[in-house]
Protein backbone atom coordinates (compact mmCIF):
# COMPACT_ATOMS: atom_id res chain seq x y z
CA MET A 1 -11.26 -20.55 -13.79
CA LYS A 2 -9.26 -19.34 -16.75
CA GLU A 3 -10.80 -15.86 -16.80
CA ILE A 4 -9.99 -15.28 -13.13
CA GLU A 5 -6.41 -16.48 -13.63
CA GLU A 6 -5.94 -14.07 -16.54
CA PHE A 7 -7.47 -11.25 -14.50
CA VAL A 8 -5.14 -11.91 -11.57
CA THR A 9 -2.16 -11.82 -13.94
CA PHE A 10 -3.43 -8.53 -15.36
CA LEU A 11 -3.72 -6.99 -11.88
CA SER A 12 -0.23 -7.99 -10.78
CA LYS A 13 1.67 -7.52 -14.06
CA GLU A 14 -0.17 -4.75 -15.91
CA ARG A 15 -1.89 -2.68 -13.23
CA ASN A 16 0.88 -3.30 -10.71
CA ASP A 17 -1.62 -3.63 -7.85
CA SER A 18 -0.37 -4.56 -4.40
CA PRO A 19 -0.08 -8.28 -3.59
CA HIS A 20 -2.73 -7.79 -0.89
CA THR A 21 -5.24 -6.38 -3.41
CA VAL A 22 -4.53 -9.09 -5.97
CA THR A 23 -5.02 -11.86 -3.40
CA ALA A 24 -8.22 -10.29 -2.07
CA TYR A 25 -9.73 -9.82 -5.54
CA GLU A 26 -8.87 -13.39 -6.49
CA ARG A 27 -10.52 -14.67 -3.32
CA ASP A 28 -13.62 -12.51 -3.89
CA LEU A 29 -14.09 -13.72 -7.47
CA GLY A 30 -13.61 -17.33 -6.42
CA ALA A 31 -16.33 -16.89 -3.78
CA PHE A 32 -18.64 -15.32 -6.38
CA ALA A 33 -18.05 -18.17 -8.83
CA ALA A 34 -18.92 -20.69 -6.11
CA PHE A 35 -22.07 -18.70 -5.28
CA CYS A 36 -23.15 -18.67 -8.95
CA GLN A 37 -22.73 -22.44 -9.14
CA ASP A 38 -25.29 -22.84 -6.36
CA TYR A 39 -27.45 -19.89 -7.43
CA TYR A 40 -28.00 -21.11 -10.99
CA GLY A 41 -27.99 -24.77 -10.04
CA GLY A 42 -26.04 -25.84 -13.09
CA PRO A 43 -23.90 -24.53 -15.94
CA TRP A 44 -23.53 -20.76 -16.04
CA SER A 45 -21.35 -18.16 -17.76
CA TRP A 46 -19.97 -14.73 -16.90
CA ALA A 47 -22.07 -13.27 -19.72
CA GLY A 48 -25.22 -14.79 -18.27
CA VAL A 49 -24.86 -13.42 -14.76
CA ASP A 50 -27.55 -10.88 -13.90
CA ARG A 51 -27.68 -8.12 -11.31
CA LEU A 52 -29.94 -10.19 -9.04
CA ALA A 53 -27.16 -12.74 -8.71
CA VAL A 54 -24.71 -9.98 -7.73
CA ARG A 55 -27.13 -8.60 -5.16
CA GLY A 56 -27.76 -12.10 -3.81
CA PHE A 57 -24.03 -12.68 -3.46
CA LEU A 58 -23.44 -9.42 -1.60
CA ALA A 59 -26.37 -10.13 0.72
CA ALA A 60 -25.01 -13.63 1.41
CA GLU A 61 -21.59 -12.14 2.22
CA GLN A 62 -23.17 -9.76 4.73
CA ARG A 63 -25.23 -12.55 6.31
CA ARG A 64 -22.11 -14.58 6.99
CA GLY A 65 -20.70 -11.64 8.92
CA LEU A 66 -18.41 -9.99 6.39
CA ALA A 67 -17.63 -6.35 7.22
CA LYS A 68 -19.11 -3.60 5.04
CA ARG A 69 -15.65 -2.68 3.79
CA SER A 70 -15.01 -6.27 2.70
CA VAL A 71 -18.37 -6.44 0.93
CA ALA A 72 -17.57 -3.16 -0.84
CA ARG A 73 -14.22 -4.62 -1.92
CA SER A 74 -16.00 -7.71 -3.32
CA LEU A 75 -18.25 -5.45 -5.38
CA SER A 76 -15.22 -3.48 -6.58
CA ALA A 77 -13.55 -6.74 -7.59
CA LEU A 78 -16.60 -7.75 -9.65
CA ARG A 79 -16.87 -4.37 -11.36
CA THR A 80 -13.17 -4.36 -12.23
CA PHE A 81 -13.34 -7.96 -13.42
CA TYR A 82 -16.23 -7.23 -15.80
CA ARG A 83 -14.40 -4.19 -17.18
CA PHE A 84 -11.48 -6.53 -17.81
CA LEU A 85 -13.77 -8.97 -19.63
CA ASN A 86 -15.12 -6.11 -21.73
CA ALA A 87 -11.60 -5.03 -22.72
CA THR A 88 -10.24 -8.51 -23.40
CA ARG A 89 -13.29 -10.43 -24.61
CA GLY A 90 -15.72 -7.74 -25.74
CA LEU A 91 -18.23 -8.68 -23.04
CA GLU A 92 -20.64 -5.77 -22.89
CA VAL A 93 -22.61 -6.63 -19.75
CA ASN A 94 -21.54 -5.58 -16.27
CA PRO A 95 -24.14 -6.80 -13.76
CA ALA A 96 -22.12 -5.36 -10.88
CA ARG A 97 -22.50 -1.80 -12.17
CA ALA A 98 -26.03 -1.33 -10.84
CA ALA A 99 -25.35 -2.82 -7.39
CA ARG A 100 -25.24 -0.33 -4.56
CA THR A 101 -21.99 -0.01 -2.61
CA PRO A 102 -22.53 -0.46 1.15
CA LYS A 103 -22.23 2.82 3.03
CA LEU A 104 -18.97 2.65 4.93
CA ASP A 105 -18.26 4.06 8.34
CA ARG A 106 -15.44 6.56 8.02
CA THR A 107 -12.31 5.35 9.74
CA LEU A 108 -9.37 7.64 10.27
CA PRO A 109 -6.00 6.27 9.14
CA THR A 110 -3.61 5.02 11.80
CA TYR A 111 -0.57 7.25 12.04
CA LEU A 112 2.35 7.75 14.41
CA GLU A 113 2.71 10.79 16.61
CA ARG A 114 5.89 12.81 16.06
CA ALA A 115 7.29 11.61 19.38
CA GLU A 116 6.73 8.03 18.27
CA MET A 117 8.52 8.69 14.99
CA GLU A 118 11.48 10.08 16.92
CA MET A 119 11.60 6.95 19.10
CA LEU A 120 11.34 4.73 16.03
CA PHE A 121 14.20 6.45 14.24
CA ALA A 122 16.33 6.52 17.38
CA GLU A 123 15.97 2.74 17.66
CA ALA A 124 16.69 2.16 13.94
CA GLU A 125 19.70 4.49 14.00
CA GLN A 126 21.11 2.77 17.08
CA ARG A 127 20.78 -0.61 15.40
CA ALA A 128 22.42 0.69 12.21
CA ALA A 129 25.35 2.19 14.12
CA ALA A 130 26.00 -1.07 15.97
CA GLY A 131 25.15 -3.46 13.15
CA GLY A 132 26.05 -4.17 9.56
CA LEU A 133 24.40 -4.36 6.14
CA ARG A 134 21.03 -5.60 7.39
CA GLU A 135 20.61 -2.82 9.92
CA ALA A 136 21.78 -0.14 7.46
CA ARG A 137 19.24 -1.42 4.93
CA ASP A 138 16.43 -1.43 7.49
CA LEU A 139 17.14 2.18 8.48
CA ALA A 140 17.25 3.23 4.82
CA MET A 141 13.86 1.60 4.16
CA LEU A 142 12.31 3.29 7.18
CA GLU A 143 13.71 6.65 6.10
CA MET A 144 12.41 6.17 2.55
CA PHE A 145 8.91 5.30 3.70
CA TYR A 146 8.60 8.35 5.94
CA SER A 147 10.54 10.69 3.65
CA SER A 148 8.51 9.95 0.51
CA GLY A 149 5.19 8.50 1.68
CA MET A 150 5.44 5.72 -0.89
CA ARG A 151 3.45 2.50 -0.80
CA LEU A 152 4.87 -0.88 0.17
CA SER A 153 4.81 -2.21 -3.39
CA GLU A 154 6.44 0.99 -4.66
CA LEU A 155 9.37 0.72 -2.27
CA ALA A 156 9.88 -2.99 -2.95
CA GLY A 157 9.88 -2.28 -6.70
CA LEU A 158 12.54 0.44 -6.62
CA ASN A 159 15.54 0.01 -8.93
CA ASP A 160 18.91 1.75 -8.66
CA PRO A 161 18.26 4.08 -11.66
CA ASP A 162 15.12 5.35 -9.88
CA VAL A 163 17.13 6.89 -7.05
CA ASP A 164 18.92 10.17 -7.79
CA LEU A 165 20.98 11.24 -4.79
CA VAL A 166 22.48 14.14 -6.71
CA SER A 167 19.09 15.84 -6.98
CA ASP A 168 17.76 14.08 -3.87
CA GLN A 169 14.71 12.64 -5.57
CA VAL A 170 13.28 9.25 -6.47
CA LYS A 171 11.09 8.05 -9.32
CA VAL A 172 8.17 5.98 -8.03
CA ARG A 173 5.97 3.63 -10.06
CA GLY A 174 2.50 3.72 -8.59
CA LYS A 175 -0.80 2.09 -9.37
CA GLY A 176 -1.44 1.57 -13.06
CA LYS A 177 2.31 2.02 -13.64
CA LYS A 178 1.90 5.77 -13.25
CA GLU A 179 5.22 7.41 -12.44
CA ARG A 180 5.81 10.35 -10.13
CA ILE A 181 8.88 12.09 -8.77
CA VAL A 182 9.12 12.62 -5.00
CA PRO A 183 11.86 14.34 -2.98
CA VAL A 184 14.22 12.45 -0.71
CA GLY A 185 14.94 14.10 2.65
CA THR A 186 18.43 14.76 3.98
CA HIS A 187 18.26 11.99 6.58
CA ALA A 188 16.93 9.51 4.03
CA ALA A 189 19.66 10.40 1.53
CA HIS A 190 22.33 9.91 4.19
CA ALA A 191 20.89 6.52 5.19
CA LEU A 192 20.70 5.44 1.55
CA ARG A 193 24.32 6.38 0.87
CA ASP A 194 25.49 4.38 3.87
CA TYR A 195 23.38 1.40 2.82
CA PHE A 196 24.57 1.58 -0.81
CA ARG A 197 28.19 1.63 0.33
CA ARG A 198 27.71 -1.51 2.41
CA ARG A 199 25.52 -3.23 -0.17
CA ASP A 200 27.89 -2.63 -3.08
CA ALA A 201 30.82 -3.90 -1.03
CA ARG A 202 28.88 -7.10 -0.34
CA LEU A 203 27.87 -7.49 -3.99
CA ALA A 204 31.48 -7.10 -5.10
CA GLN A 205 32.35 -10.16 -3.01
CA GLY A 206 29.29 -12.24 -3.85
CA PRO A 207 28.16 -14.34 -6.83
CA GLY A 208 27.28 -12.82 -10.18
CA SER A 209 23.69 -14.04 -9.91
CA ALA A 210 22.74 -11.38 -7.38
CA GLU A 211 20.01 -8.89 -8.32
CA ARG A 212 21.90 -5.92 -9.72
CA ARG A 213 19.00 -3.52 -10.31
CA ALA A 214 16.96 -3.67 -7.11
CA VAL A 215 17.58 -1.04 -4.45
CA PHE A 216 16.69 -3.15 -1.43
CA LEU A 217 18.12 -6.65 -1.30
CA SER A 218 17.88 -9.61 1.02
CA LEU A 219 21.08 -10.86 2.58
CA ARG A 220 21.17 -13.46 -0.22
CA GLY A 221 21.43 -10.71 -2.80
CA ARG A 222 17.88 -10.96 -4.12
CA ARG A 223 15.22 -8.27 -4.36
CA LEU A 224 13.46 -7.96 -1.04
CA THR A 225 9.81 -8.99 -1.42
CA PRO A 226 6.93 -6.85 -0.09
CA ARG A 227 6.42 -9.47 2.61
CA GLY A 228 10.09 -9.22 3.53
CA VAL A 229 9.79 -5.44 3.82
CA GLN A 230 6.71 -5.82 6.03
CA LEU A 231 8.56 -8.11 8.42
CA VAL A 232 11.47 -5.67 8.68
CA ILE A 233 9.27 -2.68 9.49
CA LYS A 234 7.12 -4.72 11.85
CA GLY A 235 10.29 -5.65 13.71
CA LEU A 236 11.19 -1.97 14.08
CA PHE A 237 7.67 -1.17 15.32
CA GLY A 238 8.38 -3.53 18.21
CA ALA A 239 10.27 -0.70 19.88
CA LEU A 240 6.97 1.20 20.35
CA THR A 241 4.32 0.54 22.98
CA ARG A 242 1.56 0.11 20.40
CA GLY A 243 3.80 -1.49 17.80
CA LYS A 244 1.46 -4.47 17.37
CA ASP A 245 -1.30 -2.14 16.16
CA LEU A 246 0.87 -0.52 13.46
CA HIS A 247 1.54 -1.61 9.90
CA VAL A 248 3.76 -0.44 7.06
CA HIS A 249 1.04 1.82 5.66
CA SER A 250 1.04 3.71 8.99
CA LEU A 251 4.26 5.37 7.80
CA ARG A 252 2.51 6.64 4.67
CA HIS A 253 -0.36 7.94 6.83
CA SER A 254 2.15 9.62 9.14
CA PHE A 255 3.91 11.25 6.18
CA ALA A 256 0.68 12.83 4.95
CA THR A 257 -0.65 13.77 8.38
CA HIS A 258 2.55 15.45 9.51
CA LEU A 259 2.85 17.42 6.27
CA LEU A 260 -0.71 18.74 6.53
CA ASP A 261 -0.26 19.52 10.23
CA ALA A 262 2.71 21.69 9.25
CA GLY A 263 0.63 23.60 6.71
CA ALA A 264 1.43 21.78 3.46
CA ASP A 265 -0.91 22.35 0.52
CA LEU A 266 -3.47 19.56 0.10
CA ARG A 267 -2.92 19.24 -3.66
CA ALA A 268 0.83 19.03 -3.18
CA VAL A 269 0.33 16.17 -0.71
CA GLN A 270 -2.01 14.53 -3.22
CA GLU A 271 0.73 14.58 -5.86
CA LEU A 272 3.33 13.27 -3.44
CA LEU A 273 1.09 10.37 -2.45
CA GLY A 274 0.11 9.59 -6.04
CA HIS A 275 -3.63 9.81 -5.36
CA ALA A 276 -5.81 10.06 -8.45
CA SER A 277 -8.55 11.83 -6.48
CA LEU A 278 -8.22 14.74 -4.09
CA GLY A 279 -11.00 13.18 -2.05
CA THR A 280 -8.72 10.29 -1.13
CA THR A 281 -6.18 12.73 0.28
CA GLN A 282 -8.80 14.72 2.19
CA VAL A 283 -9.16 11.96 4.80
CA TYR A 284 -5.91 13.27 6.28
CA THR A 285 -7.47 16.67 6.87
CA HIS A 286 -10.04 14.94 9.08
CA THR A 287 -7.17 13.36 10.99
CA SER A 288 -5.64 16.79 11.54
CA VAL A 289 -8.98 18.29 12.67
CA GLU A 290 -9.57 15.44 15.13
CA ARG A 291 -6.09 15.99 16.54
CA LEU A 292 -6.75 19.74 16.95
CA LYS A 293 -10.01 18.99 18.75
CA LYS A 294 -8.20 16.67 21.14
CA VAL A 295 -5.55 19.29 21.90
CA TYR A 296 -8.24 21.95 22.35
CA HIS A 297 -10.26 19.93 24.84
CA GLN A 298 -7.15 19.02 26.80
CA ALA A 299 -5.69 22.52 26.92
CA HIS A 300 -8.52 25.05 26.88
CA PRO A 301 -9.77 26.01 30.35
CA ARG A 302 -13.39 26.31 29.19
CA ALA A 303 -13.45 23.64 26.47
């Protein structure tokens, strides 16, 4: 449907949402449109949808075994979509507003222990020392993820002017195109300089059509896609025992968890992560508390 297509374009181009979110929202709205076709038994319009239809759709999603988190995401997609219709078409109704969000079970983010991070970097550094441009790039990406806590889409979207290795900081474009400045650690800066040296030497020999602004390039000289970044990091995770259970976002979770474990201020971590709400950042305090409990019960003689 035309409205969904325009909404998807808005999410990816204007809001700069992650490819995963855009795909999920598109799928959710397509499922809702199919439900409305059966629910109303004939022609229908977005303006004519009522809250009973939304509730019926969410109930149907739960009956077919969809997880609470996925149902909540579907509701979020509908609410956001109707706000988009209000802004672009003046549609004043939002039948999804009154629907109740399923109560979610709190899940703690998956993060790497410090020992695991050391093993991961040791593997990446060994590969970089023995390899060439690809391995230097992969180490630089790993360092940037853990050094800055940035999201996958943020790292893939980095341009050369965003990285300032004189001041050791990087400008990140987050959700809604909001910009923030985050520091770059010493190890990350060193890895970036080595990668830039190798990359620029390759570009000087290659065709003029290569991407000249992107920080992280494929071996063909094009901007590395988020999917390409995922595959690289997943390959590095293979060095760990539980590598199959980890994902790129685990590095962001590790960044936040390790900072808070070391006594960092919660609001400072919020700013570094680019969270709009402090409540989103507070989940990492629960992670730290759970870790302390585990250590306590293992170490205390009368725990």
